[in-house]
Amino acid sequence: MSASPHSILDPPPDQGMMSPWIARSTSDGGPSAINLLPSTTIMSSLTNTILEDMKTAMRERNKAALNVLRALKTAITNAAIEKSGAGTELPDNEVINIIRKQIKQRQDSIEQFENAGRAELAETEKEEIIVLETYLPAAMSQEEIEAAVDAAIAESAAESRKDIGKVMNILQEKTGGRADGKTLSQAVMKRLS
């Protein structure tokens, strides 16, 4: 009998990270493996990038980046579970929204740390924001935002501030996370006033 190139508990070589193999122990304490069907969920490209960067940070022993990416991965996983239960993946636009929330949390923390005289903690938060910002798409220019607002107002036939919700829904869909919601909202209010 020839020896297998890998243990029964190892995933087949072509399976990668999302292995359908789960290690279990038998009643006598020895290992066994249960082969499950491969997962049919497809991870978004942004989620894949984050996971790959997390592996790189582990290899390079970059604690700062690793901590940020682990927290981000946890936030993405929690949001996916809240949305549709365990095992679901979020599309890129929802992952971008989570990244923006993480950045906003850190900006709030910076303000609190600076008010408390904790400059070293504020600096750590600023470094974490830099890591998170690398996963955001290129921001829209002010001219692009104004053009998008004008197009969304025309599309929704908005006439007053009571139509802001319709305009914002169209804008958020069309901008794809390239502009902050607060910036878009301010531009819409300015235009509809």
C-alpha atoms as a PDB file:
ATOM      1  CA  MET A   1       0.000   0.000   0.000  1.00  0.00           C
ATOM      2  CA  SER A   2       1.508   3.349  -1.027  1.00  0.00           C
ATOM      3  CA  ALA A   3       1.580   6.259   1.368  1.00  0.00           C
ATOM      4  CA  SER A   4      -0.695   9.186   0.698  1.00  0.00           C
ATOM      5  CA  PRO A   5       1.057  12.524   0.120  1.00  0.00           C
ATOM      6  CA  HIS A   6      -1.096  14.094   2.827  1.00  0.00           C
ATOM      7  CA  SER A   7      -2.902  13.005   5.974  1.00  0.00           C
ATOM      8  CA  ILE A   8      -6.590  12.167   5.939  1.00  0.00           C
ATOM      9  CA  LEU A   9      -7.147  15.247   8.103  1.00  0.00           C
ATOM     10  CA  ASP A  10      -5.467  17.554   5.577  1.00  0.00           C
ATOM     11  CA  PRO A  11      -7.639  19.100   2.909  1.00  0.00           C
ATOM     12  CA  PRO A  12      -6.918  18.050  -0.640  1.00  0.00           C
ATOM     13  CA  PRO A  13      -4.115  20.252  -2.045  1.00  0.00           C
ATOM     14  CA  ASP A  14      -6.392  22.185  -4.413  1.00  0.00           C
ATOM     15  CA  GLN A  15      -8.979  23.139  -1.781  1.00  0.00           C
ATOM     16  CA  GLY A  16      -7.286  26.239  -0.391  1.00  0.00           C
ATOM     17  CA  MET A  17      -8.578  28.016   2.683  1.00  0.00           C
ATOM     18  CA  MET A  18     -12.272  27.125   2.415  1.00  0.00           C
ATOM     19  CA  SER A  19     -11.787  23.416   3.049  1.00  0.00           C
ATOM     20  CA  PRO A  20     -14.820  21.146   3.218  1.00  0.00           C
ATOM     21  CA  TRP A  21     -12.959  18.876   5.635  1.00  0.00           C
ATOM     22  CA  ILE A  22     -13.650  18.915   9.343  1.00  0.00           C
ATOM     23  CA  ALA A  23     -11.499  16.977  11.791  1.00  0.00           C
ATOM     24  CA  ARG A  24     -13.349  14.996  14.454  1.00  0.00           C
ATOM     25  CA  SER A  25     -12.227  12.451  16.991  1.00  0.00           C
ATOM     26  CA  THR A  26     -13.722   9.000  17.141  1.00  0.00           C
ATOM     27  CA  SER A  27     -15.110   7.447  20.286  1.00  0.00           C
ATOM     28  CA  ASP A  28     -11.740   5.756  20.939  1.00  0.00           C
ATOM     29  CA  GLY A  29      -9.982   9.143  20.763  1.00  0.00           C
ATOM     30  CA  GLY A  30      -8.435   8.582  17.347  1.00  0.00           C
ATOM     31  CA  PRO A  31      -8.858  11.088  14.558  1.00  0.00           C
ATOM     32  CA  SER A  32     -11.321  10.700  11.730  1.00  0.00           C
ATOM     33  CA  ALA A  33     -12.484  13.061   9.029  1.00  0.00           C
ATOM     34  CA  ILE A  34     -15.899  13.932   7.712  1.00  0.00           C
ATOM     35  CA  ASN A  35     -16.061  15.217   4.177  1.00  0.00           C
ATOM     36  CA  LEU A  36     -18.761  17.829   3.744  1.00  0.00           C
ATOM     37  CA  LEU A  37     -19.932  19.251   0.463  1.00  0.00           C
ATOM     38  CA  PRO A  38     -17.826  22.230  -0.638  1.00  0.00           C
ATOM     39  CA  SER A  39     -19.230  25.581   0.272  1.00  0.00           C
ATOM     40  CA  THR A  40     -21.249  27.197  -2.501  1.00  0.00           C
ATOM     41  CA  THR A  41     -20.885  30.731  -1.198  1.00  0.00           C
ATOM     42  CA  ILE A  42     -18.493  32.902  -3.143  1.00  0.00           C
ATOM     43  CA  MET A  43     -16.556  35.486  -1.188  1.00  0.00           C
ATOM     44  CA  SER A  44     -16.474  39.007  -2.486  1.00  0.00           C
ATOM     45  CA  SER A  45     -13.198  40.129  -3.966  1.00  0.00           C
ATOM     46  CA  LEU A  46     -12.790  42.704  -1.190  1.00  0.00           C
ATOM     47  CA  THR A  47     -13.297  40.062   1.501  1.00  0.00           C
ATOM     48  CA  ASN A  48     -10.729  37.852  -0.242  1.00  0.00           C
ATOM     49  CA  THR A  49      -8.269  40.754  -0.358  1.00  0.00           C
ATOM     50  CA  ILE A  50      -8.754  41.391   3.358  1.00  0.00           C
ATOM     51  CA  LEU A  51      -8.180  37.716   4.179  1.00  0.00           C
ATOM     52  CA  GLU A  52      -5.046  37.561   2.016  1.00  0.00           C
ATOM     53  CA  ASP A  53      -3.707  40.744   3.620  1.00  0.00           C
ATOM     54  CA  MET A  54      -4.424  39.267   7.034  1.00  0.00           C
ATOM     55  CA  LYS A  55      -2.312  36.209   6.122  1.00  0.00           C
ATOM     56  CA  THR A  56       0.459  38.509   4.905  1.00  0.00           C
ATOM     57  CA  ALA A  57       0.352  40.500   8.147  1.00  0.00           C
ATOM     58  CA  MET A  58       0.647  37.231  10.084  1.00  0.00           C
ATOM     59  CA  ARG A  59       3.661  36.126   8.037  1.00  0.00           C
ATOM     60  CA  GLU A  60       5.325  39.529   8.417  1.00  0.00           C
ATOM     61  CA  ARG A  61       4.440  39.672  12.113  1.00  0.00           C
ATOM     62  CA  ASN A  62       2.820  43.076  11.582  1.00  0.00           C
ATOM     63  CA  LYS A  63       0.777  43.251  14.789  1.00  0.00           C
ATOM     64  CA  ALA A  64      -0.800  46.639  14.076  1.00  0.00           C
ATOM     65  CA  ALA A  65      -2.204  45.646  10.669  1.00  0.00           C
ATOM     66  CA  LEU A  66      -3.148  42.195  11.904  1.00  0.00           C
ATOM     67  CA  ASN A  67      -5.203  43.575  14.801  1.00  0.00           C
ATOM     68  CA  VAL A  68      -7.061  45.958  12.492  1.00  0.00           C
ATOM     69  CA  LEU A  69      -7.743  43.254   9.900  1.00  0.00           C
ATOM     70  CA  ARG A  70      -8.927  40.766  12.522  1.00  0.00           C
ATOM     71  CA  ALA A  71     -11.345  43.346  13.926  1.00  0.00           C
ATOM     72  CA  LEU A  72     -12.553  44.135  10.403  1.00  0.00           C
ATOM     73  CA  LYS A  73     -13.015  40.440   9.575  1.00  0.00           C
ATOM     74  CA  THR A  74     -15.018  40.010  12.788  1.00  0.00           C
ATOM     75  CA  ALA A  75     -17.227  42.997  11.929  1.00  0.00           C
ATOM     76  CA  ILE A  76     -17.831  41.601   8.425  1.00  0.00           C
ATOM     77  CA  THR A  77     -18.663  38.157   9.812  1.00  0.00           C
ATOM     78  CA  ASN A  78     -21.046  39.614  12.418  1.00  0.00           C
ATOM     79  CA  ALA A  79     -22.821  41.703   9.793  1.00  0.00           C
ATOM     80  CA  ALA A  80     -23.185  38.659   7.526  1.00  0.00           C
ATOM     81  CA  ILE A  81     -24.649  36.623  10.380  1.00  0.00           C
ATOM     82  CA  GLU A  82     -27.094  39.426  11.253  1.00  0.00           C
ATOM     83  CA  LYS A  83     -28.148  39.695   7.639  1.00  0.00           C
ATOM     84  CA  SER A  84     -28.682  36.068   6.646  1.00  0.00           C
ATOM     85  CA  GLY A  85     -27.241  33.728   9.228  1.00  0.00           C
ATOM     86  CA  ALA A  86     -23.935  31.913   9.467  1.00  0.00           C
ATOM     87  CA  GLY A  87     -22.089  31.019   6.296  1.00  0.00           C
ATOM     88  CA  THR A  88     -23.256  33.914   4.161  1.00  0.00           C
ATOM     89  CA  GLU A  89     -20.991  36.408   2.460  1.00  0.00           C
ATOM     90  CA  LEU A  90     -21.564  40.103   1.960  1.00  0.00           C
ATOM     91  CA  PRO A  91     -21.164  41.869  -1.380  1.00  0.00           C
ATOM     92  CA  ASP A  92     -18.378  44.441  -1.748  1.00  0.00           C
ATOM     93  CA  ASN A  93     -20.657  47.460  -1.296  1.00  0.00           C
ATOM     94  CA  GLU A  94     -21.772  46.202   2.132  1.00  0.00           C
ATOM     95  CA  VAL A  95     -18.170  45.419   3.110  1.00  0.00           C
ATOM     96  CA  ILE A  96     -17.257  48.991   2.149  1.00  0.00           C
ATOM     97  CA  ASN A  97     -20.029  50.284   4.434  1.00  0.00           C
ATOM     98  CA  ILE A  98     -18.607  48.210   7.288  1.00  0.00           C
ATOM     99  CA  ILE A  99     -15.130  49.625   6.633  1.00  0.00           C
ATOM    100  CA  ARG A 100     -16.576  53.143   6.728  1.00  0.00           C
ATOM    101  CA  LYS A 101     -18.238  52.364  10.083  1.00  0.00           C
ATOM    102  CA  GLN A 102     -14.928  51.064  11.432  1.00  0.00           C
ATOM    103  CA  ILE A 103     -13.216  54.279  10.329  1.00  0.00           C
ATOM    104  CA  LYS A 104     -15.970  56.394  11.904  1.00  0.00           C
ATOM    105  CA  GLN A 105     -15.585  54.507  15.203  1.00  0.00           C
ATOM    106  CA  ARG A 106     -11.873  55.203  15.190  1.00  0.00           C
ATOM    107  CA  GLN A 107     -12.404  58.884  14.379  1.00  0.00           C
ATOM    108  CA  ASP A 108     -14.731  59.143  17.378  1.00  0.00           C
ATOM    109  CA  SER A 109     -12.115  57.383  19.524  1.00  0.00           C
ATOM    110  CA  ILE A 110      -9.409  59.798  18.352  1.00  0.00           C
ATOM    111  CA  GLU A 111     -11.520  62.752  19.465  1.00  0.00           C
ATOM    112  CA  GLN A 112     -12.150  61.175  22.869  1.00  0.00           C
ATOM    113  CA  PHE A 113      -8.497  60.214  23.371  1.00  0.00           C
ATOM    114  CA  GLU A 114      -7.303  63.700  22.429  1.00  0.00           C
ATOM    115  CA  ASN A 115      -9.798  65.284  24.843  1.00  0.00           C
ATOM    116  CA  ALA A 116      -8.508  62.965  27.583  1.00  0.00           C
ATOM    117  CA  GLY A 117      -4.857  63.813  26.826  1.00  0.00           C
ATOM    118  CA  ARG A 118      -4.023  60.309  25.540  1.00  0.00           C
ATOM    119  CA  ALA A 119      -2.047  61.248  22.419  1.00  0.00           C
ATOM    120  CA  GLU A 120      -0.424  57.791  22.104  1.00  0.00           C
ATOM    121  CA  LEU A 121      -3.812  56.066  21.869  1.00  0.00           C
ATOM    122  CA  ALA A 122      -5.062  58.675  19.402  1.00  0.00           C
ATOM    123  CA  GLU A 123      -1.980  58.022  17.263  1.00  0.00           C
ATOM    124  CA  THR A 124      -2.683  54.271  17.282  1.00  0.00           C
ATOM    125  CA  GLU A 125      -6.242  54.931  16.077  1.00  0.00           C
ATOM    126  CA  LYS A 126      -4.911  57.168  13.290  1.00  0.00           C
ATOM    127  CA  GLU A 127      -2.587  54.391  12.131  1.00  0.00           C
ATOM    128  CA  GLU A 128      -5.520  51.970  12.110  1.00  0.00           C
ATOM    129  CA  ILE A 129      -7.540  54.378   9.958  1.00  0.00           C
ATOM    130  CA  ILE A 130      -4.697  54.438   7.423  1.00  0.00           C
ATOM    131  CA  VAL A 131      -4.838  50.624   7.180  1.00  0.00           C
ATOM    132  CA  LEU A 132      -8.634  50.641   6.765  1.00  0.00           C
ATOM    133  CA  GLU A 133      -8.618  53.388   4.142  1.00  0.00           C
ATOM    134  CA  THR A 134      -6.557  51.197   1.814  1.00  0.00           C
ATOM    135  CA  TYR A 135      -9.674  49.049   1.276  1.00  0.00           C
ATOM    136  CA  LEU A 136     -11.949  51.910   0.252  1.00  0.00           C
ATOM    137  CA  PRO A 137     -12.464  52.758  -3.414  1.00  0.00           C
ATOM    138  CA  ALA A 138     -11.057  56.040  -4.710  1.00  0.00           C
ATOM    139  CA  ALA A 139     -13.116  58.908  -3.352  1.00  0.00           C
ATOM    140  CA  MET A 140     -15.272  60.987  -5.665  1.00  0.00           C
ATOM    141  CA  SER A 141     -14.263  64.576  -6.350  1.00  0.00           C
ATOM    142  CA  GLN A 142     -16.589  67.420  -5.380  1.00  0.00           C
ATOM    143  CA  GLU A 143     -17.506  67.890  -9.052  1.00  0.00           C
ATOM    144  CA  GLU A 144     -18.380  64.198  -9.411  1.00  0.00           C
ATOM    145  CA  ILE A 145     -20.527  64.358  -6.259  1.00  0.00           C
ATOM    146  CA  GLU A 146     -22.384  67.420  -7.536  1.00  0.00           C
ATOM    147  CA  ALA A 147     -22.982  65.764 -10.927  1.00  0.00           C
ATOM    148  CA  ALA A 148     -24.239  62.581  -9.222  1.00  0.00           C
ATOM    149  CA  VAL A 149     -26.551  64.625  -6.959  1.00  0.00           C
ATOM    150  CA  ASP A 150     -27.981  66.510  -9.957  1.00  0.00           C
ATOM    151  CA  ALA A 151     -28.570  63.231 -11.826  1.00  0.00           C
ATOM    152  CA  ALA A 152     -30.218  61.586  -8.800  1.00  0.00           C
ATOM    153  CA  ILE A 153     -32.484  64.602  -8.247  1.00  0.00           C
ATOM    154  CA  ALA A 154     -33.517  64.543 -11.900  1.00  0.00           C
ATOM    155  CA  GLU A 155     -34.097  60.766 -11.826  1.00  0.00           C
ATOM    156  CA  SER A 156     -36.225  60.911  -8.673  1.00  0.00           C
ATOM    157  CA  ALA A 157     -38.024  64.120  -9.710  1.00  0.00           C
ATOM    158  CA  ALA A 158     -37.291  65.528  -6.246  1.00  0.00           C
ATOM    159  CA  GLU A 159     -38.524  69.032  -5.601  1.00  0.00           C
ATOM    160  CA  SER A 160     -38.070  69.648  -1.887  1.00  0.00           C
ATOM    161  CA  ARG A 161     -36.287  68.389   1.214  1.00  0.00           C
ATOM    162  CA  LYS A 162     -39.057  65.865   1.843  1.00  0.00           C
ATOM    163  CA  ASP A 163     -37.714  63.909  -1.159  1.00  0.00           C
ATOM    164  CA  ILE A 164     -34.208  63.521   0.304  1.00  0.00           C
ATOM    165  CA  GLY A 165     -34.764  59.816   1.076  1.00  0.00           C
ATOM    166  CA  LYS A 166     -35.514  58.974  -2.570  1.00  0.00           C
ATOM    167  CA  VAL A 167     -32.489  60.914  -3.785  1.00  0.00           C
ATOM    168  CA  MET A 168     -30.162  59.351  -1.186  1.00  0.00           C
ATOM    169  CA  ASN A 169     -31.240  55.812  -2.125  1.00  0.00           C
ATOM    170  CA  ILE A 170     -30.404  56.472  -5.768  1.00  0.00           C
ATOM    171  CA  LEU A 171     -27.131  58.208  -4.863  1.00  0.00           C
ATOM    172  CA  GLN A 172     -25.871  55.492  -2.545  1.00  0.00           C
ATOM    173  CA  GLU A 173     -26.578  52.862  -5.177  1.00  0.00           C
ATOM    174  CA  LYS A 174     -24.827  54.820  -7.935  1.00  0.00           C
ATOM    175  CA  THR A 175     -21.793  55.980  -5.972  1.00  0.00           C
ATOM    176  CA  GLY A 176     -20.927  52.457  -4.807  1.00  0.00           C
ATOM    177  CA  GLY A 177     -19.269  53.562  -1.577  1.00  0.00           C
ATOM    178  CA  ARG A 178     -17.019  56.108  -3.260  1.00  0.00           C
ATOM    179  CA  ALA A 179     -18.526  58.946  -1.232  1.00  0.00           C
ATOM    180  CA  ASP A 180     -19.386  59.245   2.435  1.00  0.00           C
ATOM    181  CA  GLY A 181     -23.114  59.282   3.246  1.00  0.00           C
ATOM    182  CA  LYS A 182     -22.755  62.479   5.264  1.00  0.00           C
ATOM    183  CA  THR A 183     -21.093  64.282   2.348  1.00  0.00           C
ATOM    184  CA  LEU A 184     -23.803  63.094  -0.048  1.00  0.00           C
ATOM    185  CA  SER A 185     -26.561  64.123   2.351  1.00  0.00           C
ATOM    186  CA  GLN A 186     -25.118  67.606   2.757  1.00  0.00           C
ATOM    187  CA  ALA A 187     -24.846  68.026  -1.017  1.00  0.00           C
ATOM    188  CA  VAL A 188     -28.460  66.917  -1.508  1.00  0.00           C
ATOM    189  CA  MET A 189     -29.750  69.271   1.215  1.00  0.00           C
ATOM    190  CA  LYS A 190     -27.792  72.160  -0.271  1.00  0.00           C
ATOM    191  CA  ARG A 191     -29.216  71.436  -3.718  1.00  0.00           C
ATOM    192  CA  LEU A 192     -32.836  70.975  -2.547  1.00  0.00           C
ATOM    193  CA  SER A 193     -32.973  74.034  -0.288  1.00  0.00           C
END
